[in-house]
Amino acid sequence: MSWLLRILLVAAGAIAALFVARDAPNFPVVEGMVAVALIAAIVLVLALTRKK
């Protein structure tokens, strides 16, 4: 389970780095928001694909 979370946070960091510099003081906040958005997108995709 931890490897899944690690992959998600790496992806969130890469996406956040497109919008905010990594040395900006608010980078961890933006990274966290992107991670939450990715989790929501994954849950949405799973919910829609399991619908009959």
PDB file of N, CA and C in Angstrom:
ATOM      1  N   MET A   1       0.817  -1.190   0.000  1.00  0.00           N
ATOM      2  CA  MET A   1       0.000   0.000   0.000  1.00  0.00           C
ATOM      3  C   MET A   1       0.863   1.257   0.000  1.00  0.00           C
ATOM      4  N   SER A   2       1.998   1.193   0.679  1.00  0.00           N
ATOM      5  CA  SER A   2       2.847   2.380   0.760  1.00  0.00           C
ATOM      6  C   SER A   2       3.455   2.721  -0.596  1.00  0.00           C
ATOM      7  N   TRP A   3       3.702   1.706  -1.433  1.00  0.00           N
ATOM      8  CA  TRP A   3       4.261   2.005  -2.761  1.00  0.00           C
ATOM      9  C   TRP A   3       3.240   2.734  -3.619  1.00  0.00           C
ATOM     10  N   LEU A   4       1.962   2.429  -3.427  1.00  0.00           N
ATOM     11  CA  LEU A   4       0.911   3.120  -4.172  1.00  0.00           C
ATOM     12  C   LEU A   4       0.845   4.594  -3.758  1.00  0.00           C
ATOM     13  N   LEU A   5       0.942   4.836  -2.472  1.00  0.00           N
ATOM     14  CA  LEU A   5       0.942   6.211  -1.966  1.00  0.00           C
ATOM     15  C   LEU A   5       2.185   6.964  -2.423  1.00  0.00           C
ATOM     16  N   ARG A   6       3.324   6.290  -2.442  1.00  0.00           N
ATOM     17  CA  ARG A   6       4.562   6.920  -2.884  1.00  0.00           C
ATOM     18  C   ARG A   6       4.479   7.317  -4.365  1.00  0.00           C
ATOM     19  N   ILE A   7       3.926   6.448  -5.196  1.00  0.00           N
ATOM     20  CA  ILE A   7       3.755   6.760  -6.627  1.00  0.00           C
ATOM     21  C   ILE A   7       2.813   7.949  -6.797  1.00  0.00           C
ATOM     22  N   LEU A   8       1.741   7.968  -6.002  1.00  0.00           N
ATOM     23  CA  LEU A   8       0.786   9.076  -6.069  1.00  0.00           C
ATOM     24  C   LEU A   8       1.435  10.397  -5.676  1.00  0.00           C
ATOM     25  N   LEU A   9       2.253  10.389  -4.622  1.00  0.00           N
ATOM     26  CA  LEU A   9       2.899  11.624  -4.186  1.00  0.00           C
ATOM     27  C   LEU A   9       3.991  12.078  -5.152  1.00  0.00           C
ATOM     28  N   VAL A  10       4.668  11.141  -5.791  1.00  0.00           N
ATOM     29  CA  VAL A  10       5.661  11.521  -6.804  1.00  0.00           C
ATOM     30  C   VAL A  10       4.965  12.190  -7.984  1.00  0.00           C
ATOM     31  N   ALA A  11       3.839  11.619  -8.400  1.00  0.00           N
ATOM     32  CA  ALA A  11       3.077  12.219  -9.494  1.00  0.00           C
ATOM     33  C   ALA A  11       2.547  13.591  -9.101  1.00  0.00           C
ATOM     34  N   ALA A  12       2.068  13.718  -7.869  1.00  0.00           N
ATOM     35  CA  ALA A  12       1.561  15.012  -7.392  1.00  0.00           C
ATOM     36  C   ALA A  12       2.677  16.043  -7.351  1.00  0.00           C
ATOM     37  N   GLY A  13       3.863  15.635  -6.938  1.00  0.00           N
ATOM     38  CA  GLY A  13       4.995  16.563  -6.910  1.00  0.00           C
ATOM     39  C   GLY A  13       5.392  17.025  -8.289  1.00  0.00           C
ATOM     40  N   ALA A  14       5.357  16.106  -9.252  1.00  0.00           N
ATOM     41  CA  ALA A  14       5.709  16.474 -10.624  1.00  0.00           C
ATOM     42  C   ALA A  14       4.678  17.433 -11.223  1.00  0.00           C
ATOM     43  N   ILE A  15       3.409  17.172 -10.963  1.00  0.00           N
ATOM     44  CA  ILE A  15       2.356  18.050 -11.495  1.00  0.00           C
ATOM     45  C   ILE A  15       2.412  19.415 -10.810  1.00  0.00           C
ATOM     46  N   ALA A  16       2.616  19.424  -9.511  1.00  0.00           N
ATOM     47  CA  ALA A  16       2.682  20.697  -8.782  1.00  0.00           C
ATOM     48  C   ALA A  16       3.886  21.512  -9.226  1.00  0.00           C
ATOM     49  N   ALA A  17       4.972  20.855  -9.585  1.00  0.00           N
ATOM     50  CA  ALA A  17       6.170  21.570 -10.023  1.00  0.00           C
ATOM     51  C   ALA A  17       5.949  22.282 -11.355  1.00  0.00           C
ATOM     52  N   LEU A  18       4.939  21.867 -12.107  1.00  0.00           N
ATOM     53  CA  LEU A  18       4.623  22.569 -13.353  1.00  0.00           C
ATOM     54  C   LEU A  18       4.036  23.951 -13.095  1.00  0.00           C
ATOM     55  N   PHE A  19       3.396  24.114 -11.932  1.00  0.00           N
ATOM     56  CA  PHE A  19       2.697  25.352 -11.635  1.00  0.00           C
ATOM     57  C   PHE A  19       3.406  26.232 -10.605  1.00  0.00           C
ATOM     58  N   VAL A  20       4.168  25.600  -9.694  1.00  0.00           N
ATOM     59  CA  VAL A  20       4.811  26.330  -8.596  1.00  0.00           C
ATOM     60  C   VAL A  20       6.261  25.873  -8.511  1.00  0.00           C
ATOM     61  N   ALA A  21       7.161  26.805  -8.262  1.00  0.00           N
ATOM     62  CA  ALA A  21       8.572  26.446  -8.098  1.00  0.00           C
ATOM     63  C   ALA A  21       8.747  25.572  -6.859  1.00  0.00           C
ATOM     64  N   ARG A  22       9.657  24.602  -6.958  1.00  0.00           N
ATOM     65  CA  ARG A  22       9.859  23.664  -5.843  1.00  0.00           C
ATOM     66  C   ARG A  22      10.383  24.354  -4.586  1.00  0.00           C
ATOM     67  N   ASP A  23      11.054  25.473  -4.722  1.00  0.00           N
ATOM     68  CA  ASP A  23      11.575  26.153  -3.539  1.00  0.00           C
ATOM     69  C   ASP A  23      10.617  27.225  -3.003  1.00  0.00           C
ATOM     70  N   ALA A  24       9.418  27.296  -3.553  1.00  0.00           N
ATOM     71  CA  ALA A  24       8.421  28.247  -3.051  1.00  0.00           C
ATOM     72  C   ALA A  24       7.924  27.793  -1.679  1.00  0.00           C
ATOM     73  N   PRO A  25       7.606  28.742  -0.812  1.00  0.00           N
ATOM     74  CA  PRO A  25       7.169  28.359   0.535  1.00  0.00           C
ATOM     75  C   PRO A  25       5.861  27.574   0.559  1.00  0.00           C
ATOM     76  N   ASN A  26       5.019  27.760  -0.443  1.00  0.00           N
ATOM     77  CA  ASN A  26       3.728  27.073  -0.447  1.00  0.00           C
ATOM     78  C   ASN A  26       3.724  25.804  -1.301  1.00  0.00           C
ATOM     79  N   PHE A  27       4.878  25.325  -1.717  1.00  0.00           N
ATOM     80  CA  PHE A  27       4.920  24.133  -2.562  1.00  0.00           C
ATOM     81  C   PHE A  27       4.304  22.906  -1.885  1.00  0.00           C
ATOM     82  N   PRO A  28       4.596  22.629  -0.608  1.00  0.00           N
ATOM     83  CA  PRO A  28       3.962  21.452   0.011  1.00  0.00           C
ATOM     84  C   PRO A  28       2.433  21.529   0.044  1.00  0.00           C
ATOM     85  N   VAL A  29       1.894  22.733   0.181  1.00  0.00           N
ATOM     86  CA  VAL A  29       0.438  22.901   0.186  1.00  0.00           C
ATOM     87  C   VAL A  29      -0.126  22.582  -1.189  1.00  0.00           C
ATOM     88  N   VAL A  30       0.494  23.106  -2.226  1.00  0.00           N
ATOM     89  CA  VAL A  30       0.041  22.847  -3.591  1.00  0.00           C
ATOM     90  C   VAL A  30       0.193  21.359  -3.917  1.00  0.00           C
ATOM     91  N   GLU A  31       1.281  20.758  -3.477  1.00  0.00           N
ATOM     92  CA  GLU A  31       1.491  19.326  -3.711  1.00  0.00           C
ATOM     93  C   GLU A  31       0.398  18.503  -3.027  1.00  0.00           C
ATOM     94  N   GLY A  32       0.029  18.887  -1.826  1.00  0.00           N
ATOM     95  CA  GLY A  32      -1.041  18.186  -1.123  1.00  0.00           C
ATOM     96  C   GLY A  32      -2.384  18.336  -1.813  1.00  0.00           C
ATOM     97  N   MET A  33      -2.665  19.536  -2.320  1.00  0.00           N
ATOM     98  CA  MET A  33      -3.925  19.750  -3.037  1.00  0.00           C
ATOM     99  C   MET A  33      -3.969  18.935  -4.320  1.00  0.00           C
ATOM    100  N   VAL A  34      -2.843  18.845  -5.020  1.00  0.00           N
ATOM    101  CA  VAL A  34      -2.795  18.042  -6.238  1.00  0.00           C
ATOM    102  C   VAL A  34      -2.971  16.564  -5.900  1.00  0.00           C
ATOM    103  N   ALA A  35      -2.376  16.113  -4.805  1.00  0.00           N
ATOM    104  CA  ALA A  35      -2.523  14.720  -4.389  1.00  0.00           C
ATOM    105  C   ALA A  35      -3.985  14.394  -4.070  1.00  0.00           C
ATOM    106  N   VAL A  36      -4.672  15.297  -3.384  1.00  0.00           N
ATOM    107  CA  VAL A  36      -6.090  15.084  -3.074  1.00  0.00           C
ATOM    108  C   VAL A  36      -6.914  15.055  -4.363  1.00  0.00           C
ATOM    109  N   ALA A  37      -6.591  15.929  -5.305  1.00  0.00           N
ATOM    110  CA  ALA A  37      -7.301  15.934  -6.582  1.00  0.00           C
ATOM    111  C   ALA A  37      -7.054  14.635  -7.353  1.00  0.00           C
ATOM    112  N   LEU A  38      -5.837  14.117  -7.298  1.00  0.00           N
ATOM    113  CA  LEU A  38      -5.549  12.839  -7.964  1.00  0.00           C
ATOM    114  C   LEU A  38      -6.312  11.692  -7.318  1.00  0.00           C
ATOM    115  N   ILE A  39      -6.381  11.680  -6.000  1.00  0.00           N
ATOM    116  CA  ILE A  39      -7.145  10.644  -5.302  1.00  0.00           C
ATOM    117  C   ILE A  39      -8.621  10.728  -5.687  1.00  0.00           C
ATOM    118  N   ALA A  40      -9.163  11.927  -5.736  1.00  0.00           N
ATOM    119  CA  ALA A  40     -10.565  12.110  -6.120  1.00  0.00           C
ATOM    120  C   ALA A  40     -10.804  11.653  -7.552  1.00  0.00           C
ATOM    121  N   ALA A  41      -9.859  11.933  -8.438  1.00  0.00           N
ATOM    122  CA  ALA A  41     -10.008  11.497  -9.831  1.00  0.00           C
ATOM    123  C   ALA A  41      -9.966   9.973  -9.942  1.00  0.00           C
ATOM    124  N   ILE A  42      -9.088   9.341  -9.176  1.00  0.00           N
ATOM    125  CA  ILE A  42      -9.006   7.882  -9.201  1.00  0.00           C
ATOM    126  C   ILE A  42     -10.290   7.259  -8.662  1.00  0.00           C
ATOM    127  N   VAL A  43     -10.814   7.812  -7.571  1.00  0.00           N
ATOM    128  CA  VAL A  43     -12.067   7.304  -7.006  1.00  0.00           C
ATOM    129  C   VAL A  43     -13.214   7.498  -7.986  1.00  0.00           C
ATOM    130  N   LEU A  44     -13.253   8.633  -8.658  1.00  0.00           N
ATOM    131  CA  LEU A  44     -14.302   8.890  -9.644  1.00  0.00           C
ATOM    132  C   LEU A  44     -14.234   7.899 -10.797  1.00  0.00           C
ATOM    133  N   VAL A  45     -13.049   7.650 -11.306  1.00  0.00           N
ATOM    134  CA  VAL A  45     -12.888   6.690 -12.410  1.00  0.00           C
ATOM    135  C   VAL A  45     -13.320   5.296 -11.973  1.00  0.00           C
ATOM    136  N   LEU A  46     -12.905   4.891 -10.776  1.00  0.00           N
ATOM    137  CA  LEU A  46     -13.293   3.565 -10.280  1.00  0.00           C
ATOM    138  C   LEU A  46     -14.801   3.463 -10.082  1.00  0.00           C
ATOM    139  N   ALA A  47     -15.406   4.530  -9.597  1.00  0.00           N
ATOM    140  CA  ALA A  47     -16.871   4.506  -9.386  1.00  0.00           C
ATOM    141  C   ALA A  47     -17.616   4.440 -10.716  1.00  0.00           C
ATOM    142  N   LEU A  48     -17.128   5.135 -11.707  1.00  0.00           N
ATOM    143  CA  LEU A  48     -17.844   5.144 -12.987  1.00  0.00           C
ATOM    144  C   LEU A  48     -17.614   3.863 -13.787  1.00  0.00           C
ATOM    145  N   THR A  49     -16.481   3.221 -13.617  1.00  0.00           N
ATOM    146  CA  THR A  49     -16.236   1.993 -14.371  1.00  0.00           C
ATOM    147  C   THR A  49     -16.943   0.792 -13.749  1.00  0.00           C
ATOM    148  N   ARG A  50     -17.264   0.857 -12.463  1.00  0.00           N
ATOM    149  CA  ARG A  50     -17.957  -0.251 -11.806  1.00  0.00           C
ATOM    150  C   ARG A  50     -19.475  -0.120 -11.885  1.00  0.00           C
ATOM    151  N   LYS A  51     -19.949   0.934 -12.496  1.00  0.00           N
ATOM    152  CA  LYS A  51     -21.386   1.155 -12.635  1.00  0.00           C
ATOM    153  C   LYS A  51     -21.945   0.222 -13.694  1.00  0.00           C
ATOM    154  N   LYS A  52     -23.102  -0.365 -13.415  1.00  0.00           N
ATOM    155  CA  LYS A  52     -23.724  -1.286 -14.383  1.00  0.00           C
ATOM    156  C   LYS A  52     -24.909  -0.664 -15.042  1.00  0.00           C
TER     157      LYS A  52
END
